[in-house]
Amino acid sequence: MAVRQAAQGDDPDLAAREQYGRLQLGQADRDRVLAINAATVDRLLIEVKIAASGGRRRRARR
């Protein structure tokens, strides 16, 4: 359902972040964020996530 909402440009999380000033995007950037797949975002941000965690990687649980 979240994918469909994002595709329609109706993402409540994005709208809330913009409303409360946590995120400021131009229309072109907003369109790109709404068009991208969540897995792609995770892959693009992997280096940022590692740096934010102090260089530690999380292991998958078994």
PDB file of N, CA and C in Angstrom:
ATOM      1  N   MET A   1       0.812  -1.189   0.000  1.00  0.00           N
ATOM      2  CA  MET A   1       0.000   0.000   0.000  1.00  0.00           C
ATOM      3  C   MET A   1       0.861   1.260   0.000  1.00  0.00           C
ATOM      4  N   ALA A   2       1.987   1.234   0.717  1.00  0.00           N
ATOM      5  CA  ALA A   2       2.856   2.404   0.760  1.00  0.00           C
ATOM      6  C   ALA A   2       3.420   2.721  -0.611  1.00  0.00           C
ATOM      7  N   VAL A   3       3.724   1.672  -1.380  1.00  0.00           N
ATOM      8  CA  VAL A   3       4.255   1.889  -2.724  1.00  0.00           C
ATOM      9  C   VAL A   3       3.209   2.587  -3.579  1.00  0.00           C
ATOM     10  N   ARG A   4       1.955   2.140  -3.466  1.00  0.00           N
ATOM     11  CA  ARG A   4       0.889   2.755  -4.249  1.00  0.00           C
ATOM     12  C   ARG A   4       0.675   4.198  -3.823  1.00  0.00           C
ATOM     13  N   GLN A   5       0.730   4.478  -2.518  1.00  0.00           N
ATOM     14  CA  GLN A   5       0.566   5.846  -2.044  1.00  0.00           C
ATOM     15  C   GLN A   5       1.683   6.731  -2.576  1.00  0.00           C
ATOM     16  N   ALA A   6       2.904   6.223  -2.538  1.00  0.00           N
ATOM     17  CA  ALA A   6       4.034   7.003  -3.031  1.00  0.00           C
ATOM     18  C   ALA A   6       3.902   7.249  -4.520  1.00  0.00           C
ATOM     19  N   ALA A   7       3.450   6.262  -5.244  1.00  0.00           N
ATOM     20  CA  ALA A   7       3.294   6.416  -6.688  1.00  0.00           C
ATOM     21  C   ALA A   7       2.244   7.470  -7.008  1.00  0.00           C
ATOM     22  N   GLN A   8       1.262   7.610  -6.138  1.00  0.00           N
ATOM     23  CA  GLN A   8       0.226   8.608  -6.349  1.00  0.00           C
ATOM     24  C   GLN A   8       0.647   9.969  -5.800  1.00  0.00           C
ATOM     25  N   GLY A   9       1.823  10.056  -5.199  1.00  0.00           N
ATOM     26  CA  GLY A   9       2.279  11.310  -4.622  1.00  0.00           C
ATOM     27  C   GLY A   9       1.570  11.624  -3.320  1.00  0.00           C
ATOM     28  N   ASP A  10       1.125  10.586  -2.623  1.00  0.00           N
ATOM     29  CA  ASP A  10       0.291  10.751  -1.445  1.00  0.00           C
ATOM     30  C   ASP A  10       0.960  10.098  -0.246  1.00  0.00           C
ATOM     31  N   ASP A  11       2.245  10.285  -0.087  1.00  0.00           N
ATOM     32  CA  ASP A  11       2.997   9.646   0.992  1.00  0.00           C
ATOM     33  C   ASP A  11       2.843  10.462   2.274  1.00  0.00           C
ATOM     34  N   PRO A  12       2.167   9.925   3.282  1.00  0.00           N
ATOM     35  CA  PRO A  12       1.929  10.698   4.501  1.00  0.00           C
ATOM     36  C   PRO A  12       3.201  11.026   5.272  1.00  0.00           C
ATOM     37  N   ASP A  13       4.196  10.142   5.258  1.00  0.00           N
ATOM     38  CA  ASP A  13       5.445  10.420   5.969  1.00  0.00           C
ATOM     39  C   ASP A  13       6.181  11.593   5.337  1.00  0.00           C
ATOM     40  N   LEU A  14       6.242  11.609   4.024  1.00  0.00           N
ATOM     41  CA  LEU A  14       6.909  12.697   3.320  1.00  0.00           C
ATOM     42  C   LEU A  14       6.172  14.011   3.567  1.00  0.00           C
ATOM     43  N   ALA A  15       4.860  13.974   3.500  1.00  0.00           N
ATOM     44  CA  ALA A  15       4.057  15.178   3.727  1.00  0.00           C
ATOM     45  C   ALA A  15       4.271  15.709   5.145  1.00  0.00           C
ATOM     46  N   ALA A  16       4.329  14.811   6.131  1.00  0.00           N
ATOM     47  CA  ALA A  16       4.531  15.234   7.516  1.00  0.00           C
ATOM     48  C   ALA A  16       5.910  15.862   7.696  1.00  0.00           C
ATOM     49  N   ARG A  17       6.922  15.267   7.110  1.00  0.00           N
ATOM     50  CA  ARG A  17       8.284  15.820   7.239  1.00  0.00           C
ATOM     51  C   ARG A  17       8.364  17.204   6.605  1.00  0.00           C
ATOM     52  N   GLU A  18       7.715  17.375   5.476  1.00  0.00           N
ATOM     53  CA  GLU A  18       7.708  18.685   4.827  1.00  0.00           C
ATOM     54  C   GLU A  18       6.914  19.691   5.658  1.00  0.00           C
ATOM     55  N   GLN A  19       5.785  19.278   6.195  1.00  0.00           N
ATOM     56  CA  GLN A  19       4.924  20.172   6.972  1.00  0.00           C
ATOM     57  C   GLN A  19       5.627  20.717   8.199  1.00  0.00           C
ATOM     58  N   TYR A  20       6.379  19.859   8.897  1.00  0.00           N
ATOM     59  CA  TYR A  20       7.023  20.282  10.132  1.00  0.00           C
ATOM     60  C   TYR A  20       8.448  20.781   9.929  1.00  0.00           C
ATOM     61  N   GLY A  21       8.851  20.976   8.690  1.00  0.00           N
ATOM     62  CA  GLY A  21      10.138  21.584   8.399  1.00  0.00           C
ATOM     63  C   GLY A  21      11.330  20.663   8.533  1.00  0.00           C
ATOM     64  N   ARG A  22      11.107  19.348   8.658  1.00  0.00           N
ATOM     65  CA  ARG A  22      12.213  18.395   8.769  1.00  0.00           C
ATOM     66  C   ARG A  22      12.832  18.092   7.415  1.00  0.00           C
ATOM     67  N   LEU A  23      12.108  18.423   6.357  1.00  0.00           N
ATOM     68  CA  LEU A  23      12.560  18.125   5.004  1.00  0.00           C
ATOM     69  C   LEU A  23      12.062  19.217   4.077  1.00  0.00           C
ATOM     70  N   GLN A  24      12.952  19.732   3.244  1.00  0.00           N
ATOM     71  CA  GLN A  24      12.564  20.748   2.277  1.00  0.00           C
ATOM     72  C   GLN A  24      13.031  20.284   0.905  1.00  0.00           C
ATOM     73  N   LEU A  25      12.064  19.987   0.045  1.00  0.00           N
ATOM     74  CA  LEU A  25      12.377  19.510  -1.297  1.00  0.00           C
ATOM     75  C   LEU A  25      11.712  20.389  -2.337  1.00  0.00           C
ATOM     76  N   GLY A  26      12.415  20.600  -3.440  1.00  0.00           N
ATOM     77  CA  GLY A  26      11.791  21.230  -4.589  1.00  0.00           C
ATOM     78  C   GLY A  26      10.900  20.204  -5.276  1.00  0.00           C
ATOM     79  N   GLN A  27      10.083  20.646  -6.207  1.00  0.00           N
ATOM     80  CA  GLN A  27       9.145  19.732  -6.861  1.00  0.00           C
ATOM     81  C   GLN A  27       9.871  18.622  -7.623  1.00  0.00           C
ATOM     82  N   ALA A  28      10.963  18.949  -8.288  1.00  0.00           N
ATOM     83  CA  ALA A  28      11.698  17.927  -9.042  1.00  0.00           C
ATOM     84  C   ALA A  28      12.270  16.858  -8.105  1.00  0.00           C
ATOM     85  N   ASP A  29      12.854  17.286  -6.982  1.00  0.00           N
ATOM     86  CA  ASP A  29      13.404  16.327  -6.018  1.00  0.00           C
ATOM     87  C   ASP A  29      12.299  15.510  -5.367  1.00  0.00           C
ATOM     88  N   ARG A  30      11.175  16.144  -5.067  1.00  0.00           N
ATOM     89  CA  ARG A  30      10.039  15.429  -4.468  1.00  0.00           C
ATOM     90  C   ARG A  30       9.539  14.343  -5.418  1.00  0.00           C
ATOM     91  N   ASP A  31       9.458  14.673  -6.691  1.00  0.00           N
ATOM     92  CA  ASP A  31       9.025  13.687  -7.681  1.00  0.00           C
ATOM     93  C   ASP A  31       9.993  12.505  -7.744  1.00  0.00           C
ATOM     94  N   ARG A  32      11.290  12.786  -7.663  1.00  0.00           N
ATOM     95  CA  ARG A  32      12.289  11.715  -7.699  1.00  0.00           C
ATOM     96  C   ARG A  32      12.186  10.820  -6.469  1.00  0.00           C
ATOM     97  N   VAL A  33      11.986  11.425  -5.294  1.00  0.00           N
ATOM     98  CA  VAL A  33      11.854  10.644  -4.065  1.00  0.00           C
ATOM     99  C   VAL A  33      10.631   9.738  -4.149  1.00  0.00           C
ATOM    100  N   LEU A  34       9.539  10.250  -4.658  1.00  0.00           N
ATOM    101  CA  LEU A  34       8.319   9.459  -4.751  1.00  0.00           C
ATOM    102  C   LEU A  34       8.414   8.368  -5.812  1.00  0.00           C
ATOM    103  N   ALA A  35       9.299   8.534  -6.786  1.00  0.00           N
ATOM    104  CA  ALA A  35       9.415   7.561  -7.868  1.00  0.00           C
ATOM    105  C   ALA A  35      10.394   6.428  -7.551  1.00  0.00           C
ATOM    106  N   ILE A  36      11.259   6.627  -6.571  1.00  0.00           N
ATOM    107  CA  ILE A  36      12.308   5.651  -6.294  1.00  0.00           C
ATOM    108  C   ILE A  36      11.787   4.523  -5.395  1.00  0.00           C
ATOM    109  N   ASN A  37      12.328   3.353  -5.577  1.00  0.00           N
ATOM    110  CA  ASN A  37      11.968   2.176  -4.793  1.00  0.00           C
ATOM    111  C   ASN A  37      12.681   2.227  -3.445  1.00  0.00           C
ATOM    112  N   ALA A  38      12.032   1.762  -2.383  1.00  0.00           N
ATOM    113  CA  ALA A  38      12.615   1.785  -1.042  1.00  0.00           C
ATOM    114  C   ALA A  38      13.920   0.994  -0.970  1.00  0.00           C
ATOM    115  N   ALA A  39      14.009  -0.109  -1.669  1.00  0.00           N
ATOM    116  CA  ALA A  39      15.241  -0.906  -1.673  1.00  0.00           C
ATOM    117  C   ALA A  39      16.383  -0.129  -2.320  1.00  0.00           C
ATOM    118  N   THR A  40      16.079   0.648  -3.328  1.00  0.00           N
ATOM    119  CA  THR A  40      17.102   1.460  -3.980  1.00  0.00           C
ATOM    120  C   THR A  40      17.604   2.533  -3.026  1.00  0.00           C
ATOM    121  N   VAL A  41      16.717   3.131  -2.266  1.00  0.00           N
ATOM    122  CA  VAL A  41      17.118   4.130  -1.276  1.00  0.00           C
ATOM    123  C   VAL A  41      18.060   3.494  -0.259  1.00  0.00           C
ATOM    124  N   ASP A  42      17.731   2.302   0.218  1.00  0.00           N
ATOM    125  CA  ASP A  42      18.600   1.606   1.171  1.00  0.00           C
ATOM    126  C   ASP A  42      19.985   1.376   0.591  1.00  0.00           C
ATOM    127  N   ARG A  43      20.047   0.947  -0.663  1.00  0.00           N
ATOM    128  CA  ARG A  43      21.353   0.721  -1.299  1.00  0.00           C
ATOM    129  C   ARG A  43      22.129   2.018  -1.450  1.00  0.00           C
ATOM    130  N   LEU A  44      21.449   3.113  -1.783  1.00  0.00           N
ATOM    131  CA  LEU A  44      22.130   4.387  -1.962  1.00  0.00           C
ATOM    132  C   LEU A  44      22.648   4.962  -0.646  1.00  0.00           C
ATOM    133  N   LEU A  45      21.969   4.644   0.453  1.00  0.00           N
ATOM    134  CA  LEU A  45      22.330   5.223   1.745  1.00  0.00           C
ATOM    135  C   LEU A  45      23.184   4.307   2.615  1.00  0.00           C
ATOM    136  N   ILE A  46      23.644   3.187   2.103  1.00  0.00           N
ATOM    137  CA  ILE A  46      24.382   2.227   2.921  1.00  0.00           C
ATOM    138  C   ILE A  46      25.620   2.839   3.575  1.00  0.00           C
ATOM    139  N   GLU A  47      26.368   3.645   2.861  1.00  0.00           N
ATOM    140  CA  GLU A  47      27.570   4.263   3.430  1.00  0.00           C
ATOM    141  C   GLU A  47      27.202   5.246   4.532  1.00  0.00           C
ATOM    142  N   VAL A  48      26.127   5.985   4.358  1.00  0.00           N
ATOM    143  CA  VAL A  48      25.666   6.928   5.381  1.00  0.00           C
ATOM    144  C   VAL A  48      25.231   6.166   6.624  1.00  0.00           C
ATOM    145  N   LYS A  49      24.539   5.060   6.440  1.00  0.00           N
ATOM    146  CA  LYS A  49      24.081   4.257   7.580  1.00  0.00           C
ATOM    147  C   LYS A  49      25.254   3.689   8.359  1.00  0.00           C
ATOM    148  N   ILE A  50      26.269   3.221   7.659  1.00  0.00           N
ATOM    149  CA  ILE A  50      27.458   2.668   8.324  1.00  0.00           C
ATOM    150  C   ILE A  50      28.175   3.757   9.112  1.00  0.00           C
ATOM    151  N   ALA A  51      28.324   4.925   8.514  1.00  0.00           N
ATOM    152  CA  ALA A  51      28.987   6.027   9.206  1.00  0.00           C
ATOM    153  C   ALA A  51      28.195   6.455  10.437  1.00  0.00           C
ATOM    154  N   ALA A  52      26.873   6.481  10.331  1.00  0.00           N
ATOM    155  CA  ALA A  52      26.026   6.901  11.445  1.00  0.00           C
ATOM    156  C   ALA A  52      26.079   5.901  12.605  1.00  0.00           C
ATOM    157  N   SER A  53      26.346   4.648  12.298  1.00  0.00           N
ATOM    158  CA  SER A  53      26.397   3.633  13.354  1.00  0.00           C
ATOM    159  C   SER A  53      27.810   3.454  13.911  1.00  0.00           C
ATOM    160  N   GLY A  54      28.714   4.337  13.572  1.00  0.00           N
ATOM    161  CA  GLY A  54      30.073   4.258  14.081  1.00  0.00           C
ATOM    162  C   GLY A  54      30.917   3.216  13.374  1.00  0.00           C
ATOM    163  N   GLY A  55      30.548   2.859  12.157  1.00  0.00           N
ATOM    164  CA  GLY A  55      31.317   1.912  11.370  1.00  0.00           C
ATOM    165  C   GLY A  55      30.911   0.471  11.564  1.00  0.00           C
ATOM    166  N   ARG A  56      29.875   0.240  12.366  1.00  0.00           N
ATOM    167  CA  ARG A  56      29.423  -1.137  12.606  1.00  0.00           C
ATOM    168  C   ARG A  56      28.332  -1.508  11.616  1.00  0.00           C
ATOM    169  N   ARG A  57      28.419  -2.700  11.102  1.00  0.00           N
ATOM    170  CA  ARG A  57      27.371  -3.239  10.237  1.00  0.00           C
ATOM    171  C   ARG A  57      26.508  -4.157  11.053  1.00  0.00           C
ATOM    172  N   ARG A  58      25.219  -4.152  10.747  1.00  0.00           N
ATOM    173  CA  ARG A  58      24.306  -5.057  11.443  1.00  0.00           C
ATOM    174  C   ARG A  58      24.292  -6.391  10.718  1.00  0.00           C
ATOM    175  N   ARG A  59      24.252  -7.455  11.492  1.00  0.00           N
ATOM    176  CA  ARG A  59      24.161  -8.783  10.914  1.00  0.00           C
ATOM    177  C   ARG A  59      22.709  -9.198  10.863  1.00  0.00           C
ATOM    178  N   ALA A  60      22.375  -9.942   9.835  1.00  0.00           N
ATOM    179  CA  ALA A  60      21.014 -10.468   9.712  1.00  0.00           C
ATOM    180  C   ALA A  60      20.771 -11.510  10.788  1.00  0.00           C
ATOM    181  N   ARG A  61      19.585 -11.483  11.360  1.00  0.00           N
ATOM    182  CA  ARG A  61      19.235 -12.483  12.364  1.00  0.00           C
ATOM    183  C   ARG A  61      18.874 -13.790  11.689  1.00  0.00           C
ATOM    184  N   ARG A  62      19.154 -14.852  12.371  1.00  0.00           N
ATOM    185  CA  ARG A  62      18.810 -16.174  11.830  1.00  0.00           C
ATOM    186  C   ARG A  62      17.783 -16.823  12.677  1.00  0.00           C
TER     187      ARG A  62
END
